[in-house]
C-alpha atoms as a PDB file:
ATOM      1  CA  MET A   1      -0.040   0.140  -0.045  1.00  0.00           C
ATOM      2  CA  SER A   2       1.326   3.409  -0.898  1.00  0.00           C
ATOM      3  CA  LYS A   3       2.010   6.028   1.667  1.00  0.00           C
ATOM      4  CA  PRO A   4      -0.468   8.909   2.211  1.00  0.00           C
ATOM      5  CA  LEU A   5       0.394  12.035  -0.113  1.00  0.00           C
ATOM      6  CA  SER A   6       1.226  14.147   2.946  1.00  0.00           C
ATOM      7  CA  GLN A   7       3.377  11.548   4.242  1.00  0.00           C
ATOM      8  CA  SER A   8       5.410  11.393   1.028  1.00  0.00           C
ATOM      9  CA  LEU A   9       5.555  15.120   0.367  1.00  0.00           C
ATOM     10  CA  MET A  10       7.063  15.200   4.056  1.00  0.00           C
ATOM     11  CA  ALA A  11       9.656  12.493   3.075  1.00  0.00           C
ATOM     12  CA  ILE A  12      10.741  14.511   0.107  1.00  0.00           C
ATOM     13  CA  PHE A  13      10.949  17.758   1.700  1.00  0.00           C
ATOM     14  CA  ILE A  14      13.009  16.171   4.612  1.00  0.00           C
ATOM     15  CA  SER A  15      15.025  14.646   2.003  1.00  0.00           C
ATOM     16  CA  LEU A  16      16.018  17.667   0.124  1.00  0.00           C
ATOM     17  CA  LEU A  17      17.327  19.223   3.374  1.00  0.00           C
ATOM     18  CA  PRO A  18      21.177  19.377   3.421  1.00  0.00           C
ATOM     19  CA  GLY A  19      22.733  16.337   5.605  1.00  0.00           C
ATOM     20  CA  CYS A  20      19.454  15.091   6.595  1.00  0.00           C
ATOM     21  CA  SER A  21      17.117  12.556   5.548  1.00  0.00           C
ATOM     22  CA  SER A  22      13.870  10.992   6.727  1.00  0.00           C
ATOM     23  CA  GLU A  23      15.811   8.245   8.734  1.00  0.00           C
ATOM     24  CA  ASP A  24      17.652  10.971  10.918  1.00  0.00           C
ATOM     25  CA  VAL A  25      14.389  12.502  12.057  1.00  0.00           C
ATOM     26  CA  LYS A  26      13.933  11.210  15.732  1.00  0.00           C
ATOM     27  CA  GLY A  27      10.724  10.276  17.390  1.00  0.00           C
ATOM     28  CA  PRO A  28       9.998  11.381  21.154  1.00  0.00           C
ATOM     29  CA  VAL A  29      11.927   9.368  23.304  1.00  0.00           C
ATOM     30  CA  ASP A  30       9.940   7.684  26.076  1.00  0.00           C
ATOM     31  CA  CYS A  31      12.234   8.651  29.179  1.00  0.00           C
ATOM     32  CA  SER A  32      10.742   5.819  31.282  1.00  0.00           C
ATOM     33  CA  LEU A  33      12.785   3.376  29.180  1.00  0.00           C
ATOM     34  CA  SER A  34      15.910   5.388  29.581  1.00  0.00           C
ATOM     35  CA  SER A  35      19.186   4.058  30.793  1.00  0.00           C
ATOM     36  CA  LEU A  36      19.986   7.438  32.024  1.00  0.00           C
ATOM     37  CA  THR A  37      21.779   7.154  35.496  1.00  0.00           C
ATOM     38  CA  LEU A  38      23.443   9.603  38.123  1.00  0.00           C
ATOM     39  CA  VAL A  39      26.407   8.216  40.102  1.00  0.00           C
ATOM     40  CA  LEU A  40      28.148   9.600  43.257  1.00  0.00           C
ATOM     41  CA  GLN A  41      32.019   9.917  42.392  1.00  0.00           C
ATOM     42  CA  SER A  42      33.386  11.653  45.542  1.00  0.00           C
ATOM     43  CA  THR A  43      32.374  13.827  48.321  1.00  0.00           C
ATOM     44  CA  THR A  44      34.630  16.214  50.369  1.00  0.00           C
ATOM     45  CA  ASP A  45      33.228  17.093  53.644  1.00  0.00           C
ATOM     46  CA  ALA A  46      33.507  20.719  54.909  1.00  0.00           C
ATOM     47  CA  SER A  47      36.224  21.389  57.067  1.00  0.00           C
ATOM     48  CA  SER A  48      34.250  22.577  59.830  1.00  0.00           C
ATOM     49  CA  CYS A  49      30.521  23.134  61.038  1.00  0.00           C
ATOM     50  CA  THR A  50      30.975  27.012  59.855  1.00  0.00           C
ATOM     51  CA  SER A  51      32.804  26.605  56.545  1.00  0.00           C
ATOM     52  CA  ALA A  52      31.200  26.366  53.169  1.00  0.00           C
ATOM     53  CA  ASP A  53      34.292  24.423  51.461  1.00  0.00           C
ATOM     54  CA  GLY A  54      32.821  20.753  50.818  1.00  0.00           C
ATOM     55  CA  ALA A  55      32.586  19.242  47.419  1.00  0.00           C
ATOM     56  CA  ILE A  56      30.762  16.798  45.244  1.00  0.00           C
ATOM     57  CA  ALA A  57      31.601  15.151  42.003  1.00  0.00           C
ATOM     58  CA  LEU A  58      29.201  13.326  40.025  1.00  0.00           C
ATOM     59  CA  GLN A  59      29.281  11.270  36.985  1.00  0.00           C
ATOM     60  CA  ALA A  60      26.209  10.033  34.747  1.00  0.00           C
ATOM     61  CA  SER A  61      25.809   7.275  32.368  1.00  0.00           C
ATOM     62  CA  GLY A  62      23.716   5.809  29.726  1.00  0.00           C
ATOM     63  CA  GLY A  63      20.995   8.120  28.266  1.00  0.00           C
ATOM     64  CA  GLU A  64      22.378  10.262  25.360  1.00  0.00           C
ATOM     65  CA  GLY A  65      24.919  13.172  25.977  1.00  0.00           C
ATOM     66  CA  PRO A  66      25.922  15.464  26.389  1.00  0.00           C
ATOM     67  CA  TYR A  67      24.752  15.899  30.159  1.00  0.00           C
ATOM     68  CA  THR A  68      23.909  18.838  32.250  1.00  0.00           C
ATOM     69  CA  PHE A  69      24.168  18.541  35.981  1.00  0.00           C
ATOM     70  CA  GLU A  70      22.301  20.701  38.266  1.00  0.00           C
ATOM     71  CA  MET A  71      22.605  21.016  42.026  1.00  0.00           C
ATOM     72  CA  GLY A  72      21.140  23.819  44.345  1.00  0.00           C
ATOM     73  CA  GLY A  73      20.239  26.062  41.335  1.00  0.00           C
ATOM     74  CA  ALA A  74      24.017  25.715  39.786  1.00  0.00           C
ATOM     75  CA  LYS A  75      24.425  23.853  36.499  1.00  0.00           C
ATOM     76  CA  ASN A  76      27.450  22.975  34.716  1.00  0.00           C
ATOM     77  CA  ASP A  77      28.389  20.117  32.145  1.00  0.00           C
ATOM     78  CA  MET A  78      31.219  18.696  34.443  1.00  0.00           C
ATOM     79  CA  GLY A  79      29.299  17.484  37.539  1.00  0.00           C
ATOM     80  CA  ALA A  80      31.605  18.989  39.828  1.00  0.00           C
ATOM     81  CA  PHE A  81      30.183  21.354  42.816  1.00  0.00           C
ATOM     82  CA  ASP A  82      31.926  23.302  45.460  1.00  0.00           C
ATOM     83  CA  GLY A  83      31.696  25.700  48.207  1.00  0.00           C
ATOM     84  CA  LEU A  84      28.988  23.625  50.096  1.00  0.00           C
ATOM     85  CA  ALA A  85      28.243  23.728  53.377  1.00  0.00           C
ATOM     86  CA  ALA A  86      26.945  20.824  55.590  1.00  0.00           C
ATOM     87  CA  GLY A  87      23.679  19.382  54.359  1.00  0.00           C
ATOM     88  CA  ASN A  88      21.518  16.831  52.315  1.00  0.00           C
ATOM     89  CA  TYR A  89      21.545  18.190  48.486  1.00  0.00           C
ATOM     90  CA  GLU A  90      19.380  16.743  45.507  1.00  0.00           C
ATOM     91  CA  ALA A  91      21.663  16.380  42.469  1.00  0.00           C
ATOM     92  CA  LYS A  92      20.017  16.211  38.853  1.00  0.00           C
ATOM     93  CA  VAL A  93      21.284  15.418  35.398  1.00  0.00           C
ATOM     94  CA  THR A  94      19.635  15.852  32.060  1.00  0.00           C
ATOM     95  CA  ASP A  95      20.799  14.412  28.728  1.00  0.00           C
ATOM     96  CA  SER A  96      20.205  15.669  25.247  1.00  0.00           C
ATOM     97  CA  ASN A  97      16.818  13.947  25.531  1.00  0.00           C
ATOM     98  CA  SER A  98      15.552  16.087  28.296  1.00  0.00           C
ATOM     99  CA  CYS A  99      15.564  12.845  30.324  1.00  0.00           C
ATOM    100  CA  THR A 100      16.659  13.216  34.141  1.00  0.00           C
ATOM    101  CA  SER A 101      18.160  11.307  36.678  1.00  0.00           C
ATOM    102  CA  ARG A 102      18.281  12.476  40.551  1.00  0.00           C
ATOM    103  CA  LEU A 103      20.409  11.445  43.507  1.00  0.00           C
ATOM    104  CA  GLY A 104      20.651  12.498  47.345  1.00  0.00           C
ATOM    105  CA  VAL A 105      24.023  13.427  48.231  1.00  0.00           C
ATOM    106  CA  SER A 106      25.184  14.458  51.985  1.00  0.00           C
ATOM    107  CA  ILE A 107      27.747  16.394  53.097  1.00  0.00           C
ATOM    108  CA  LYS A 108      29.172  16.466  56.461  1.00  0.00           C
ATOM    109  CA  ALA A 109      30.959  18.516  58.559  1.00  0.00           C
ATOM    110  CA  ALA A 110      34.216  17.872  60.686  1.00  0.00           C
ATOM    111  CA  GLY A 111      33.642  17.839  64.691  1.00  0.00           C
ATOM    112  CA  SER A 112      29.650  18.203  64.062  1.00  0.00           C
ATOM    113  CA  ASP A 113      26.906  15.538  63.996  1.00  0.00           C
ATOM    114  CA  LEU A 114      24.272  18.377  63.437  1.00  0.00           C
ATOM    115  CA  GLY A 115      21.190  17.284  61.562  1.00  0.00           C
ATOM    116  CA  LEU A 116      17.419  18.099  61.152  1.00  0.00           C
ATOM    117  CA  VAL A 117      14.210  16.371  60.304  1.00  0.00           C
ATOM    118  CA  ALA A 118      11.625  18.523  58.411  1.00  0.00           C
ATOM    119  CA  THR A 119       7.763  17.736  58.601  1.00  0.00           C
ATOM    120  CA  THR A 120       5.378  19.037  56.230  1.00  0.00           C
ATOM    121  CA  VAL A 121       1.478  19.899  55.959  1.00  0.00           C
ATOM    122  CA  ALA A 122       0.056  19.393  52.483  1.00  0.00           C
ATOM    123  CA  ASP A 123      -1.002  22.968  50.680  1.00  0.00           C
ATOM    124  CA  THR A 124      -5.045  22.579  50.389  1.00  0.00           C
ATOM    125  CA  GLY A 125      -5.315  26.504  49.401  1.00  0.00           C
ATOM    126  CA  CYS A 126      -5.312  27.871  45.920  1.00  0.00           C
ATOM    127  CA  LEU A 127      -5.393  31.235  45.981  1.00  0.00           C
ATOM    128  CA  SER A 128      -3.360  31.408  49.036  1.00  0.00           C
ATOM    129  CA  GLY A 129      -0.982  28.717  50.582  1.00  0.00           C
ATOM    130  CA  ASN A 130      -2.001  26.892  53.730  1.00  0.00           C
ATOM    131  CA  GLY A 131       0.635  24.224  53.877  1.00  0.00           C
ATOM    132  CA  ALA A 132       3.445  24.364  56.706  1.00  0.00           C
ATOM    133  CA  ILE A 133       6.780  23.011  57.578  1.00  0.00           C
ATOM    134  CA  THR A 134       8.155  22.207  60.970  1.00  0.00           C
ATOM    135  CA  ILE A 135      11.976  21.924  61.313  1.00  0.00           C
ATOM    136  CA  THR A 136      13.305  19.631  64.187  1.00  0.00           C
ATOM    137  CA  GLY A 137      17.035  19.813  65.193  1.00  0.00           C
ATOM    138  CA  GLN A 138      18.833  16.587  65.607  1.00  0.00           C
ATOM    139  CA  GLY A 139      22.365  16.193  67.248  1.00  0.00           C
ATOM    140  CA  GLY A 140      24.481  19.333  67.387  1.00  0.00           C
ATOM    141  CA  MET A 141      24.314  21.507  70.710  1.00  0.00           C
ATOM    142  CA  GLY A 142      21.303  23.479  71.700  1.00  0.00           C
ATOM    143  CA  PRO A 143      19.718  26.084  71.431  1.00  0.00           C
ATOM    144  CA  PHE A 144      18.743  25.643  67.990  1.00  0.00           C
ATOM    145  CA  VAL A 145      17.561  28.233  65.577  1.00  0.00           C
ATOM    146  CA  PHE A 146      15.690  27.707  62.111  1.00  0.00           C
ATOM    147  CA  ARG A 147      15.074  28.951  58.506  1.00  0.00           C
ATOM    148  CA  ILE A 148      13.296  28.485  55.563  1.00  0.00           C
ATOM    149  CA  ASN A 149      14.581  29.751  51.980  1.00  0.00           C
ATOM    150  CA  ASN A 150      16.928  32.828  52.536  1.00  0.00           C
ATOM    151  CA  GLY A 151      14.859  34.008  55.586  1.00  0.00           C
ATOM    152  CA  PRO A 152      16.771  34.986  58.965  1.00  0.00           C
ATOM    153  CA  PHE A 153      16.957  32.418  61.715  1.00  0.00           C
ATOM    154  CA  GLY A 154      14.728  32.716  64.580  1.00  0.00           C
ATOM    155  CA  THR A 155      13.702  30.398  67.357  1.00  0.00           C
ATOM    156  CA  THR A 156      10.230  29.561  65.501  1.00  0.00           C
ATOM    157  CA  SER A 157      10.421  26.158  64.066  1.00  0.00           C
ATOM    158  CA  THR A 158       7.279  26.116  62.337  1.00  0.00           C
ATOM    159  CA  PHE A 159       6.498  27.886  59.170  1.00  0.00           C
ATOM    160  CA  PRO A 160       3.001  28.276  57.962  1.00  0.00           C
ATOM    161  CA  GLY A 161       0.707  29.708  55.122  1.00  0.00           C
ATOM    162  CA  LEU A 162       2.850  28.045  52.542  1.00  0.00           C
ATOM    163  CA  LYS A 163       2.214  27.212  48.897  1.00  0.00           C
ATOM    164  CA  ALA A 164       3.074  23.576  47.634  1.00  0.00           C
ATOM    165  CA  GLY A 165       6.484  23.340  46.308  1.00  0.00           C
ATOM    166  CA  GLU A 166      10.063  22.838  47.287  1.00  0.00           C
ATOM    167  CA  TYR A 167      11.868  24.705  50.230  1.00  0.00           C
ATOM    168  CA  SER A 168      15.587  25.350  51.434  1.00  0.00           C
ATOM    169  CA  VAL A 169      15.448  24.463  55.232  1.00  0.00           C
ATOM    170  CA  ALA A 170      18.264  25.038  57.989  1.00  0.00           C
ATOM    171  CA  VAL A 171      18.942  24.678  61.582  1.00  0.00           C
ATOM    172  CA  LYS A 172      21.881  26.201  63.491  1.00  0.00           C
ATOM    173  CA  ASP A 173      23.268  25.220  66.846  1.00  0.00           C
ATOM    174  CA  GLY A 174      24.714  26.975  69.946  1.00  0.00           C
ATOM    175  CA  GLN A 175      27.941  26.554  68.446  1.00  0.00           C
ATOM    176  CA  GLY A 176      27.047  28.169  65.151  1.00  0.00           C
ATOM    177  CA  CYS A 177      27.034  24.975  63.163  1.00  0.00           C
ATOM    178  CA  VAL A 178      24.656  24.948  60.030  1.00  0.00           C
ATOM    179  CA  PHE A 179      22.844  22.095  58.513  1.00  0.00           C
ATOM    180  CA  ILE A 180      20.932  22.702  55.370  1.00  0.00           C
ATOM    181  CA  ASP A 181      18.010  20.405  53.743  1.00  0.00           C
ATOM    182  CA  ARG A 182      15.256  20.619  51.471  1.00  0.00           C
ATOM    183  CA  ALA A 183      11.413  19.880  52.219  1.00  0.00           C
ATOM    184  CA  THR A 184       8.832  19.580  49.772  1.00  0.00           C
ATOM    185  CA  ILE A 185       5.103  20.532  50.319  1.00  0.00           C
ATOM    186  CA  ALA A 186       2.621  18.298  48.702  1.00  0.00           C
ATOM    187  CA  ARG A 187      -0.486  19.836  46.791  1.00  0.00           C
ATOM    188  CA  GLY A 188      -3.407  18.731  48.543  1.00  0.00           C
ATOM    189  CA  GLU A 189      -7.047  18.585  47.180  1.00  0.00           C
ATOM    190  CA  THR A 190      -8.292  22.117  47.114  1.00  0.00           C
ATOM    191  CA  GLY A 191     -11.886  21.784  46.855  1.00  0.00           C
ATOM    192  CA  VAL A 192     -12.070  24.415  43.976  1.00  0.00           C
ATOM    193  CA  SER A 193     -15.782  24.307  42.862  1.00  0.00           C
ATOM    194  CA  PHE A 194     -16.624  23.923  38.815  1.00  0.00           C
ATOM    195  CA  SER A 195     -20.229  25.257  38.983  1.00  0.00           C
ATOM    196  CA  ALA A 196     -18.978  28.242  41.187  1.00  0.00           C
ATOM    197  CA  GLN A 197     -15.502  28.970  40.493  1.00  0.00           C
ATOM    198  CA  ILE A 198     -14.489  27.379  36.842  1.00  0.00           C
ATOM    199  CA  LYS A 199     -17.866  27.255  34.732  1.00  0.00           C
ATOM    200  CA  PRO A 200     -18.354  31.196  34.890  1.00  0.00           C
ATOM    201  CA  ILE A 201     -14.509  31.521  33.706  1.00  0.00           C
ATOM    202  CA  ILE A 202     -15.507  29.074  30.708  1.00  0.00           C
ATOM    203  CA  ASP A 203     -19.057  30.903  29.987  1.00  0.00           C
ATOM    204  CA  THR A 204     -17.621  34.252  29.807  1.00  0.00           C
ATOM    205  CA  LYS A 205     -14.019  33.840  28.272  1.00  0.00           C
ATOM    206  CA  CYS A 206     -14.112  30.609  26.237  1.00  0.00           C
ATOM    207  CA  ALA A 207     -17.826  29.416  25.187  1.00  0.00           C
ATOM    208  CA  LEU A 208     -18.476  31.990  23.120  1.00  0.00           C
ATOM    209  CA  SER A 209     -19.561  32.533  19.266  1.00  0.00           C
ATOM    210  CA  GLY A 210     -16.975  31.209  16.852  1.00  0.00           C
ATOM    211  CA  CYS A 211     -14.939  29.654  19.720  1.00  0.00           C
ATOM    212  CA  HIS A 212     -16.045  27.104  22.189  1.00  0.00           C
ATOM    213  CA  ASN A 213     -19.895  27.265  22.082  1.00  0.00           C
ATOM    214  CA  GLY A 214     -19.986  24.660  19.308  1.00  0.00           C
ATOM    215  CA  ASP A 215     -19.564  26.470  16.136  1.00  0.00           C
ATOM    216  CA  ASN A 216     -16.243  24.585  15.477  1.00  0.00           C
ATOM    217  CA  GLY A 217     -17.536  21.049  16.220  1.00  0.00           C
ATOM    218  CA  ALA A 218     -19.611  19.312  19.003  1.00  0.00           C
ATOM    219  CA  ASN A 219     -16.739  18.226  20.645  1.00  0.00           C
ATOM    220  CA  ARG A 220     -15.571  21.748  21.224  1.00  0.00           C
ATOM    221  CA  ASN A 221     -18.570  22.789  22.787  1.00  0.00           C
ATOM    222  CA  TRP A 222     -17.729  23.865  26.118  1.00  0.00           C
ATOM    223  CA  THR A 223     -21.288  24.631  27.426  1.00  0.00           C
ATOM    224  CA  ILE A 224     -21.225  20.767  27.731  1.00  0.00           C
ATOM    225  CA  PHE A 225     -19.140  19.345  30.852  1.00  0.00           C
ATOM    226  CA  GLY A 226     -17.849  16.331  29.757  1.00  0.00           C
ATOM    227  CA  ASN A 227     -15.887  18.073  26.858  1.00  0.00           C
ATOM    228  CA  VAL A 228     -14.572  20.269  29.272  1.00  0.00           C
ATOM    229  CA  LYS A 229     -13.366  17.509  31.372  1.00  0.00           C
ATOM    230  CA  ALA A 230     -11.937  15.680  28.269  1.00  0.00           C
ATOM    231  CA  ASN A 231      -9.895  18.655  27.568  1.00  0.00           C
ATOM    232  CA  ALA A 232      -9.119  19.731  31.173  1.00  0.00           C
ATOM    233  CA  GLY A 233      -5.043  19.138  30.828  1.00  0.00           C
ATOM    234  CA  ASN A 234      -4.917  21.244  27.762  1.00  0.00           C
ATOM    235  CA  ILE A 235      -6.879  24.049  29.455  1.00  0.00           C
ATOM    236  CA  LYS A 236      -4.593  24.053  32.198  1.00  0.00           C
ATOM    237  CA  THR A 237      -1.575  24.105  30.109  1.00  0.00           C
ATOM    238  CA  ARG A 238      -2.688  26.863  27.725  1.00  0.00           C
ATOM    239  CA  THR A 239      -4.273  28.968  30.084  1.00  0.00           C
ATOM    240  CA  GLY A 240      -1.232  28.758  32.273  1.00  0.00           C
ATOM    241  CA  ASN A 241       1.001  29.788  29.201  1.00  0.00           C
ATOM    242  CA  ARG A 242      -1.620  32.506  28.313  1.00  0.00           C
ATOM    243  CA  SER A 243      -2.058  31.263  24.782  1.00  0.00           C
ATOM    244  CA  MET A 244      -5.906  30.588  25.675  1.00  0.00           C
ATOM    245  CA  PRO A 245      -8.642  32.301  25.347  1.00  0.00           C
ATOM    246  CA  LEU A 246      -7.732  33.832  22.072  1.00  0.00           C
ATOM    247  CA  THR A 247      -9.725  36.959  23.111  1.00  0.00           C
ATOM    248  CA  GLY A 248      -9.266  38.868  26.277  1.00  0.00           C
ATOM    249  CA  SER A 249      -7.380  37.472  29.128  1.00  0.00           C
ATOM    250  CA  LEU A 250      -7.521  35.699  32.620  1.00  0.00           C
ATOM    251  CA  THR A 251      -6.411  37.062  35.829  1.00  0.00           C
ATOM    252  CA  GLN A 252      -3.583  35.011  37.478  1.00  0.00           C
ATOM    253  CA  ASP A 253      -6.387  34.114  40.068  1.00  0.00           C
ATOM    254  CA  GLN A 254      -8.490  32.657  37.200  1.00  0.00           C
ATOM    255  CA  ILE A 255      -5.482  30.622  35.871  1.00  0.00           C
ATOM    256  CA  ASP A 256      -4.605  29.213  39.528  1.00  0.00           C
ATOM    257  CA  LEU A 257      -8.245  28.347  39.896  1.00  0.00           C
ATOM    258  CA  ILE A 258      -8.267  26.491  36.696  1.00  0.00           C
ATOM    259  CA  ALA A 259      -5.073  24.929  37.689  1.00  0.00           C
ATOM    260  CA  CYS A 260      -6.133  23.798  40.961  1.00  0.00           C
ATOM    261  CA  TRP A 261      -9.771  22.168  39.466  1.00  0.00           C
ATOM    262  CA  VAL A 262      -7.562  20.078  36.967  1.00  0.00           C
ATOM    263  CA  ASP A 263      -5.162  19.027  39.600  1.00  0.00           C
ATOM    264  CA  ASP A 264      -7.729  17.971  41.842  1.00  0.00           C
ATOM    265  CA  GLY A 265      -9.433  15.645  39.258  1.00  0.00           C
ATOM    266  CA  ALA A 266     -11.450  17.852  36.957  1.00  0.00           C
ATOM    267  CA  LYS A 267     -14.670  17.059  39.054  1.00  0.00           C
ATOM    268  CA  ASP A 268     -18.252  18.109  38.462  1.00  0.00           C
ATOM    269  CA  ASN A 269     -18.740  19.675  41.650  1.00  0.00           C
END
């Protein structure tokens, strides 16, 4: 059976490109099948509990190079990171197919056994966060003070009103030793209502003449809940990057409400 005309024309076009043939064009890579692996090559502990002179060397194998290594917001193609204080770090490598592999790495400090445990409460708010992190110091020598991200150290160990996401947490003991870690606040179910909060947005911004009121096909009629639910993921993506709606615009609160509703499971509530 001959190829469809569109496929044949595409193959001809590709074959005309310099140094390229249709066989050279790769399809998308399934990263769940990737052999990409991140390995710890070596660590150098900090020389003291108040020094940031630790180092980590990483190595990647599998996947498809070149590789990009990342840790603590810093990136390079060598896999070497220095200037590190005592703490727990997450390292990541990304290959040329955008597949990733992650690894947890610890840096210790000479003369200190200071550590921490971070306990989190999920964020079930949407427009305002209501998650929390509680930090508990371990080892070291009290009294302890605590901080999240780049805030000041203080005696308060619980930090409320936080949105879902990853945070840097740290504890400092009575000797001035500091130990850092990361804590992730999960997104809990927010309870955003389709009928009360999402449908009014769709009715006024999307289900309009010539757009999603059925003019462009029955399956694009977003006055029908089933069609909205079937397209929920795409709606979240396109409203999030502001490529939807085509006319008018959404406020950030409206974009956030849509994302929360979709993340809750796109319920008819």
